[in-house]
Each structure stands twice: as structure tokens, then as C-alpha cells.
PDB file of N, CA and C in Angstrom:
ATOM      1  N   MET A   1       8.002  -4.712  10.636  1.00  0.00           N
ATOM      2  CA  MET A   1       7.325  -4.822   9.353  1.00  0.00           C
ATOM      3  C   MET A   1       5.828  -5.068   9.543  1.00  0.00           C
ATOM      4  N   GLU A   2       5.463  -5.855  10.574  1.00  0.00           N
ATOM      5  CA  GLU A   2       4.037  -6.137  10.825  1.00  0.00           C
ATOM      6  C   GLU A   2       3.249  -4.859  11.059  1.00  0.00           C
ATOM      7  N   GLU A   3       3.831  -3.931  11.806  1.00  0.00           N
ATOM      8  CA  GLU A   3       3.134  -2.680  12.118  1.00  0.00           C
ATOM      9  C   GLU A   3       2.880  -1.865  10.850  1.00  0.00           C
ATOM     10  N   ILE A   4       3.858  -1.844   9.955  1.00  0.00           N
ATOM     11  CA  ILE A   4       3.705  -1.124   8.689  1.00  0.00           C
ATOM     12  C   ILE A   4       2.590  -1.768   7.861  1.00  0.00           C
ATOM     13  N   ILE A   5       2.611  -3.081   7.764  1.00  0.00           N
ATOM     14  CA  ILE A   5       1.589  -3.809   6.998  1.00  0.00           C
ATOM     15  C   ILE A   5       0.204  -3.544   7.574  1.00  0.00           C
ATOM     16  N   THR A   6       0.098  -3.530   8.898  1.00  0.00           N
ATOM     17  CA  THR A   6      -1.190  -3.264   9.545  1.00  0.00           C
ATOM     18  C   THR A   6      -1.695  -1.864   9.214  1.00  0.00           C
ATOM     19  N   GLN A   7      -0.814  -0.865   9.282  1.00  0.00           N
ATOM     20  CA  GLN A   7      -1.209   0.507   8.965  1.00  0.00           C
ATOM     21  C   GLN A   7      -1.643   0.638   7.503  1.00  0.00           C
ATOM     22  N   LEU A   8      -0.892   0.020   6.602  1.00  0.00           N
ATOM     23  CA  LEU A   8      -1.245   0.059   5.183  1.00  0.00           C
ATOM     24  C   LEU A   8      -2.591  -0.617   4.941  1.00  0.00           C
ATOM     25  N   SER A   9      -2.770  -1.766   5.529  1.00  0.00           N
ATOM     26  CA  SER A   9      -4.009  -2.518   5.367  1.00  0.00           C
ATOM     27  C   SER A   9      -5.201  -1.718   5.894  1.00  0.00           C
ATOM     28  N   ASN A  10      -5.054  -1.136   7.076  1.00  0.00           N
ATOM     29  CA  ASN A  10      -6.140  -0.347   7.659  1.00  0.00           C
ATOM     30  C   ASN A  10      -6.506   0.826   6.762  1.00  0.00           C
ATOM     31  N   PHE A  11      -5.504   1.498   6.210  1.00  0.00           N
ATOM     32  CA  PHE A  11      -5.767   2.628   5.316  1.00  0.00           C
ATOM     33  C   PHE A  11      -6.533   2.166   4.073  1.00  0.00           C
ATOM     34  N   ILE A  12      -6.066   1.090   3.463  1.00  0.00           N
ATOM     35  CA  ILE A  12      -6.689   0.607   2.222  1.00  0.00           C
ATOM     36  C   ILE A  12      -8.134   0.156   2.455  1.00  0.00           C
ATOM     37  N   VAL A  13      -8.374  -0.619   3.508  1.00  0.00           N
ATOM     38  CA  VAL A  13      -9.738  -1.134   3.716  1.00  0.00           C
ATOM     39  C   VAL A  13     -10.718  -0.054   4.169  1.00  0.00           C
ATOM     40  N   THR A  14     -10.247   0.950   4.921  1.00  0.00           N
ATOM     41  CA  THR A  14     -11.174   1.978   5.406  1.00  0.00           C
ATOM     42  C   THR A  14     -11.328   3.134   4.427  1.00  0.00           C
ATOM     43  N   LYS A  15     -10.233   3.625   3.873  1.00  0.00           N
ATOM     44  CA  LYS A  15     -10.280   4.829   3.042  1.00  0.00           C
ATOM     45  C   LYS A  15     -10.508   4.546   1.561  1.00  0.00           C
ATOM     46  N   ILE A  16      -9.988   3.445   1.058  1.00  0.00           N
ATOM     47  CA  ILE A  16     -10.078   3.168  -0.380  1.00  0.00           C
ATOM     48  C   ILE A  16     -11.218   2.202  -0.688  1.00  0.00           C
ATOM     49  N   LEU A  17     -11.230   1.059  -0.020  1.00  0.00           N
ATOM     50  CA  LEU A  17     -12.264   0.062  -0.294  1.00  0.00           C
ATOM     51  C   LEU A  17     -13.573   0.361   0.431  1.00  0.00           C
ATOM     52  N   LYS A  18     -13.493   1.156   1.501  1.00  0.00           N
ATOM     53  CA  LYS A  18     -14.670   1.463   2.330  1.00  0.00           C
ATOM     54  C   LYS A  18     -15.309   0.180   2.866  1.00  0.00           C
ATOM     55  N   GLN A  19     -14.450  -0.783   3.194  1.00  0.00           N
ATOM     56  CA  GLN A  19     -14.895  -2.070   3.756  1.00  0.00           C
ATOM     57  C   GLN A  19     -14.049  -2.360   4.998  1.00  0.00           C
ATOM     58  N   PRO A  20     -14.318  -1.649   6.103  1.00  0.00           N
ATOM     59  CA  PRO A  20     -13.456  -1.764   7.288  1.00  0.00           C
ATOM     60  C   PRO A  20     -13.297  -3.175   7.843  1.00  0.00           C
ATOM     61  N   LYS A  21     -14.233  -4.060   7.548  1.00  0.00           N
ATOM     62  CA  LYS A  21     -14.121  -5.426   8.070  1.00  0.00           C
ATOM     63  C   LYS A  21     -13.300  -6.335   7.157  1.00  0.00           C
ATOM     64  N   ARG A  22     -12.955  -5.855   5.989  1.00  0.00           N
ATOM     65  CA  ARG A  22     -12.181  -6.640   5.009  1.00  0.00           C
ATOM     66  C   ARG A  22     -10.769  -6.868   5.546  1.00  0.00           C
ATOM     67  N   VAL A  23     -10.235  -8.039   5.312  1.00  0.00           N
ATOM     68  CA  VAL A  23      -8.874  -8.365   5.726  1.00  0.00           C
ATOM     69  C   VAL A  23      -8.042  -8.589   4.474  1.00  0.00           C
ATOM     70  N   ILE A  24      -6.911  -7.925   4.401  1.00  0.00           N
ATOM     71  CA  ILE A  24      -5.996  -8.108   3.275  1.00  0.00           C
ATOM     72  C   ILE A  24      -4.745  -8.797   3.817  1.00  0.00           C
ATOM     73  N   SER A  25      -4.389  -9.924   3.227  1.00  0.00           N
ATOM     74  CA  SER A  25      -3.182 -10.607   3.683  1.00  0.00           C
ATOM     75  C   SER A  25      -1.952  -9.867   3.154  1.00  0.00           C
ATOM     76  N   ALA A  26      -0.823 -10.092   3.786  1.00  0.00           N
ATOM     77  CA  ALA A  26       0.411  -9.390   3.435  1.00  0.00           C
ATOM     78  C   ALA A  26       0.861  -9.672   2.012  1.00  0.00           C
ATOM     79  N   THR A  27       0.489 -10.841   1.477  1.00  0.00           N
ATOM     80  CA  THR A  27       0.954 -11.228   0.140  1.00  0.00           C
ATOM     81  C   THR A  27      -0.147 -11.158  -0.916  1.00  0.00           C
ATOM     82  N   GLU A  28      -1.339 -10.721  -0.533  1.00  0.00           N
ATOM     83  CA  GLU A  28      -2.451 -10.642  -1.487  1.00  0.00           C
ATOM     84  C   GLU A  28      -2.166  -9.595  -2.561  1.00  0.00           C
ATOM     85  N   PRO A  29      -2.325  -9.948  -3.837  1.00  0.00           N
ATOM     86  CA  PRO A  29      -2.103  -8.978  -4.914  1.00  0.00           C
ATOM     87  C   PRO A  29      -3.100  -7.822  -4.820  1.00  0.00           C
ATOM     88  N   LEU A  30      -2.599  -6.607  -4.863  1.00  0.00           N
ATOM     89  CA  LEU A  30      -3.464  -5.433  -4.756  1.00  0.00           C
ATOM     90  C   LEU A  30      -3.834  -4.891  -6.129  1.00  0.00           C
ATOM     91  N   ILE A  31      -2.843  -4.724  -6.977  1.00  0.00           N
ATOM     92  CA  ILE A  31      -3.061  -4.101  -8.283  1.00  0.00           C
ATOM     93  C   ILE A  31      -3.411  -5.148  -9.337  1.00  0.00           C
ATOM     94  N   SER A  32      -2.597  -6.190  -9.431  1.00  0.00           N
ATOM     95  CA  SER A  32      -2.829  -7.195 -10.479  1.00  0.00           C
ATOM     96  C   SER A  32      -4.164  -7.909 -10.294  1.00  0.00           C
ATOM     97  N   SER A  33      -4.691  -7.919  -9.067  1.00  0.00           N
ATOM     98  CA  SER A  33      -5.991  -8.542  -8.825  1.00  0.00           C
ATOM     99  C   SER A  33      -7.142  -7.567  -9.068  1.00  0.00           C
ATOM    100  N   GLY A  34      -6.809  -6.279  -9.219  1.00  0.00           N
ATOM    101  CA  GLY A  34      -7.849  -5.278  -9.417  1.00  0.00           C
ATOM    102  C   GLY A  34      -8.438  -4.747  -8.119  1.00  0.00           C
ATOM    103  N   LEU A  35      -7.858  -5.129  -6.996  1.00  0.00           N
ATOM    104  CA  LEU A  35      -8.361  -4.668  -5.703  1.00  0.00           C
ATOM    105  C   LEU A  35      -8.264  -3.145  -5.593  1.00  0.00           C
ATOM    106  N   ILE A  36      -7.125  -2.590  -6.021  1.00  0.00           N
ATOM    107  CA  ILE A  36      -7.007  -1.133  -6.074  1.00  0.00           C
ATOM    108  C   ILE A  36      -6.614  -0.712  -7.490  1.00  0.00           C
ATOM    109  N   ASP A  37      -7.074   0.458  -7.900  1.00  0.00           N
ATOM    110  CA  ASP A  37      -6.794   0.947  -9.249  1.00  0.00           C
ATOM    111  C   ASP A  37      -5.727   2.052  -9.218  1.00  0.00           C
ATOM    112  N   SER A  38      -5.439   2.613 -10.378  1.00  0.00           N
ATOM    113  CA  SER A  38      -4.364   3.596 -10.465  1.00  0.00           C
ATOM    114  C   SER A  38      -4.664   4.868  -9.678  1.00  0.00           C
ATOM    115  N   PHE A  39      -5.928   5.237  -9.573  1.00  0.00           N
ATOM    116  CA  PHE A  39      -6.272   6.425  -8.782  1.00  0.00           C
ATOM    117  C   PHE A  39      -6.020   6.153  -7.301  1.00  0.00           C
ATOM    118  N   SER A  40      -6.409   4.976  -6.851  1.00  0.00           N
ATOM    119  CA  SER A  40      -6.194   4.595  -5.458  1.00  0.00           C
ATOM    120  C   SER A  40      -4.710   4.473  -5.148  1.00  0.00           C
ATOM    121  N   LEU A  41      -3.941   4.098  -6.146  1.00  0.00           N
ATOM    122  CA  LEU A  41      -2.499   3.965  -5.983  1.00  0.00           C
ATOM    123  C   LEU A  41      -1.872   5.290  -5.562  1.00  0.00           C
ATOM    124  N   MET A  42      -2.358   6.375  -6.125  1.00  0.00           N
ATOM    125  CA  MET A  42      -1.861   7.703  -5.748  1.00  0.00           C
ATOM    126  C   MET A  42      -2.183   7.995  -4.286  1.00  0.00           C
ATOM    127  N   ASP A  43      -3.386   7.632  -3.858  1.00  0.00           N
ATOM    128  CA  ASP A  43      -3.770   7.837  -2.459  1.00  0.00           C
ATOM    129  C   ASP A  43      -2.874   7.036  -1.518  1.00  0.00           C
ATOM    130  N   VAL A  44      -2.594   5.804  -1.893  1.00  0.00           N
ATOM    131  CA  VAL A  44      -1.717   4.962  -1.072  1.00  0.00           C
ATOM    132  C   VAL A  44      -0.320   5.575  -1.025  1.00  0.00           C
ATOM    133  N   SER A  45       0.162   6.045  -2.157  1.00  0.00           N
ATOM    134  CA  SER A  45       1.479   6.667  -2.229  1.00  0.00           C
ATOM    135  C   SER A  45       1.568   7.887  -1.305  1.00  0.00           C
ATOM    136  N   LEU A  46       0.560   8.736  -1.351  1.00  0.00           N
ATOM    137  CA  LEU A  46       0.542   9.930  -0.492  1.00  0.00           C
ATOM    138  C   LEU A  46       0.471   9.530   0.982  1.00  0.00           C
ATOM    139  N   PHE A  47      -0.316   8.511   1.293  1.00  0.00           N
ATOM    140  CA  PHE A  47      -0.404   8.011   2.668  1.00  0.00           C
ATOM    141  C   PHE A  47       0.967   7.528   3.144  1.00  0.00           C
ATOM    142  N   VAL A  48       1.660   6.774   2.292  1.00  0.00           N
ATOM    143  CA  VAL A  48       2.984   6.250   2.640  1.00  0.00           C
ATOM    144  C   VAL A  48       3.953   7.403   2.905  1.00  0.00           C
ATOM    145  N   GLU A  49       3.956   8.388   2.013  1.00  0.00           N
ATOM    146  CA  GLU A  49       4.871   9.519   2.173  1.00  0.00           C
ATOM    147  C   GLU A  49       4.574  10.308   3.444  1.00  0.00           C
ATOM    148  N   ASP A  50       3.296  10.561   3.711  1.00  0.00           N
ATOM    149  CA  ASP A  50       2.911  11.337   4.901  1.00  0.00           C
ATOM    150  C   ASP A  50       3.121  10.569   6.199  1.00  0.00           C
ATOM    151  N   THR A  51       2.794   9.292   6.186  1.00  0.00           N
ATOM    152  CA  THR A  51       2.832   8.487   7.406  1.00  0.00           C
ATOM    153  C   THR A  51       4.232   8.005   7.766  1.00  0.00           C
ATOM    154  N   PHE A  52       4.975   7.576   6.751  1.00  0.00           N
ATOM    155  CA  PHE A  52       6.268   6.950   7.022  1.00  0.00           C
ATOM    156  C   PHE A  52       7.462   7.835   6.645  1.00  0.00           C
ATOM    157  N   GLY A  53       7.182   8.991   6.048  1.00  0.00           N
ATOM    158  CA  GLY A  53       8.250   9.930   5.725  1.00  0.00           C
ATOM    159  C   GLY A  53       9.210   9.443   4.653  1.00  0.00           C
ATOM    160  N   VAL A  54       8.727   8.627   3.741  1.00  0.00           N
ATOM    161  CA  VAL A  54       9.580   8.152   2.646  1.00  0.00           C
ATOM    162  C   VAL A  54       9.038   8.662   1.321  1.00  0.00           C
ATOM    163  N   ARG A  55       9.922   8.869   0.378  1.00  0.00           N
ATOM    164  CA  ARG A  55       9.540   9.380  -0.944  1.00  0.00           C
ATOM    165  C   ARG A  55       9.300   8.204  -1.881  1.00  0.00           C
ATOM    166  N   ILE A  56       8.161   8.238  -2.564  1.00  0.00           N
ATOM    167  CA  ILE A  56       7.842   7.227  -3.581  1.00  0.00           C
ATOM    168  C   ILE A  56       7.908   7.930  -4.936  1.00  0.00           C
ATOM    169  N   GLU A  57       8.759   7.443  -5.808  1.00  0.00           N
ATOM    170  CA  GLU A  57       8.893   8.040  -7.139  1.00  0.00           C
ATOM    171  C   GLU A  57       7.707   7.636  -8.007  1.00  0.00           C
ATOM    172  N   ASP A  58       7.330   8.511  -8.929  1.00  0.00           N
ATOM    173  CA  ASP A  58       6.221   8.202  -9.837  1.00  0.00           C
ATOM    174  C   ASP A  58       6.466   6.912 -10.618  1.00  0.00           C
ATOM    175  N   THR A  59       7.729   6.660 -10.953  1.00  0.00           N
ATOM    176  CA  THR A  59       8.064   5.456 -11.724  1.00  0.00           C
ATOM    177  C   THR A  59       7.863   4.179 -10.896  1.00  0.00           C
ATOM    178  N   GLU A  60       7.722   4.333  -9.586  1.00  0.00           N
ATOM    179  CA  GLU A  60       7.524   3.168  -8.717  1.00  0.00           C
ATOM    180  C   GLU A  60       6.049   2.844  -8.493  1.00  0.00           C
ATOM    181  N   LEU A  61       5.169   3.666  -9.006  1.00  0.00           N
ATOM    182  CA  LEU A  61       3.737   3.441  -8.826  1.00  0.00           C
ATOM    183  C   LEU A  61       3.252   2.399  -9.827  1.00  0.00           C
ATOM    184  N   ASN A  62       3.603   1.154  -9.561  1.00  0.00           N
ATOM    185  CA  ASN A  62       3.237   0.066 -10.467  1.00  0.00           C
ATOM    186  C   ASN A  62       3.097  -1.242  -9.700  1.00  0.00           C
ATOM    187  N   ALA A  63       2.664  -2.262 -10.396  1.00  0.00           N
ATOM    188  CA  ALA A  63       2.430  -3.559  -9.754  1.00  0.00           C
ATOM    189  C   ALA A  63       3.715  -4.206  -9.245  1.00  0.00           C
ATOM    190  N   ASP A  64       4.858  -3.857  -9.828  1.00  0.00           N
ATOM    191  CA  ASP A  64       6.111  -4.444  -9.355  1.00  0.00           C
ATOM    192  C   ASP A  64       6.433  -3.986  -7.931  1.00  0.00           C
ATOM    193  N   THR A  65       6.193  -2.727  -7.652  1.00  0.00           N
ATOM    194  CA  THR A  65       6.529  -2.152  -6.354  1.00  0.00           C
ATOM    195  C   THR A  65       5.400  -2.258  -5.347  1.00  0.00           C
ATOM    196  N   PHE A  66       4.175  -2.088  -5.813  1.00  0.00           N
ATOM    197  CA  PHE A  66       3.030  -1.920  -4.935  1.00  0.00           C
ATOM    198  C   PHE A  66       2.062  -3.091  -4.932  1.00  0.00           C
ATOM    199  N   ASP A  67       2.419  -4.249  -5.470  1.00  0.00           N
ATOM    200  CA  ASP A  67       1.384  -5.274  -5.650  1.00  0.00           C
ATOM    201  C   ASP A  67       1.010  -6.038  -4.386  1.00  0.00           C
ATOM    202  N   SER A  68       1.752  -5.875  -3.314  1.00  0.00           N
ATOM    203  CA  SER A  68       1.332  -6.504  -2.056  1.00  0.00           C
ATOM    204  C   SER A  68       1.749  -5.607  -0.896  1.00  0.00           C
ATOM    205  N   LEU A  69       1.084  -5.782   0.217  1.00  0.00           N
ATOM    206  CA  LEU A  69       1.434  -5.016   1.412  1.00  0.00           C
ATOM    207  C   LEU A  69       2.859  -5.340   1.839  1.00  0.00           C
ATOM    208  N   GLU A  70       3.249  -6.597   1.675  1.00  0.00           N
ATOM    209  CA  GLU A  70       4.592  -7.020   2.048  1.00  0.00           C
ATOM    210  C   GLU A  70       5.649  -6.311   1.196  1.00  0.00           C
ATOM    211  N   ALA A  71       5.419  -6.243  -0.116  1.00  0.00           N
ATOM    212  CA  ALA A  71       6.383  -5.576  -1.006  1.00  0.00           C
ATOM    213  C   ALA A  71       6.487  -4.090  -0.669  1.00  0.00           C
ATOM    214  N   LEU A  72       5.365  -3.476  -0.397  1.00  0.00           N
ATOM    215  CA  LEU A  72       5.351  -2.060  -0.062  1.00  0.00           C
ATOM    216  C   LEU A  72       6.033  -1.813   1.279  1.00  0.00           C
ATOM    217  N   ALA A  73       5.795  -2.679   2.244  1.00  0.00           N
ATOM    218  CA  ALA A  73       6.435  -2.548   3.563  1.00  0.00           C
ATOM    219  C   ALA A  73       7.951  -2.678   3.443  1.00  0.00           C
ATOM    220  N   LYS A  74       8.410  -3.587   2.595  1.00  0.00           N
ATOM    221  CA  LYS A  74       9.861  -3.743   2.390  1.00  0.00           C
ATOM    222  C   LYS A  74      10.459  -2.486   1.776  1.00  0.00           C
ATOM    223  N   LEU A  75       9.747  -1.888   0.824  1.00  0.00           N
ATOM    224  CA  LEU A  75      10.207  -0.646   0.208  1.00  0.00           C
ATOM    225  C   LEU A  75      10.303   0.469   1.252  1.00  0.00           C
ATOM    226  N   ILE A  76       9.272   0.578   2.090  1.00  0.00           N
ATOM    227  CA  ILE A  76       9.261   1.603   3.130  1.00  0.00           C
ATOM    228  C   ILE A  76      10.426   1.401   4.098  1.00  0.00           C
ATOM    229  N   MET A  77      10.618   0.170   4.536  1.00  0.00           N
ATOM    230  CA  MET A  77      11.700  -0.115   5.488  1.00  0.00           C
ATOM    231  C   MET A  77      13.075   0.162   4.886  1.00  0.00           C
ATOM    232  N   SER A  78      13.230  -0.066   3.596  1.00  0.00           N
ATOM    233  CA  SER A  78      14.536   0.160   2.967  1.00  0.00           C
ATOM    234  C   SER A  78      14.873   1.648   2.867  1.00  0.00           C
ATOM    235  N   ARG A  79      13.853   2.501   3.028  1.00  0.00           N
ATOM    236  CA  ARG A  79      14.055   3.948   2.889  1.00  0.00           C
ATOM    237  C   ARG A  79      14.034   4.701   4.200  1.00  0.00           C
ATOM    238  N   GLN A  80      13.693   4.026   5.274  1.00  0.00           N
ATOM    239  CA  GLN A  80      13.590   4.727   6.559  1.00  0.00           C
ATOM    240  C   GLN A  80      14.938   4.845   7.235  1.00  0.00           C
TER     241      GLN A  80
END
């Protein structure tokens, strides 16, 4: 799970936030805190599908599923 969280974090800080030195904790709120927006959510979803080979349904693109790296990593692991 740590490796998945690291890959997700690296993608978000470099590609979305453009702040490569930023550190995101595994439990830090991503959507509800406003760190990433709905457009960025699509990018994260595509990254997850391409990198980890799992399908993310459009109905799952919300704060319940994607609000932390930990929650997203658990979703990915449950589908691999």
C-alpha cells in the first residue's frame, strides 16, 4: 500500500499541484480541503487506470472515494 500511496502522491504534487517538494500525508483530505478540484480528479482517475490497471467508475469520482491517498490506495488494492 505504501508504494501505491507514494506513486499517487508523486503524481499529484508534480503533475497537478506543480509543487514537487510538497508532501501529502496518506490521510490528508484532497477534495474536501480543496487541494485538488474536479478537473484534477479526472487526471488522477486516468493516472490510476493507466498505472495500476484498475477501472474507476464515473460515480466513484467523489470525495467519498478519492478524498485521501489512503482511501484511493485501498480502492486500487481491492481491484487488483
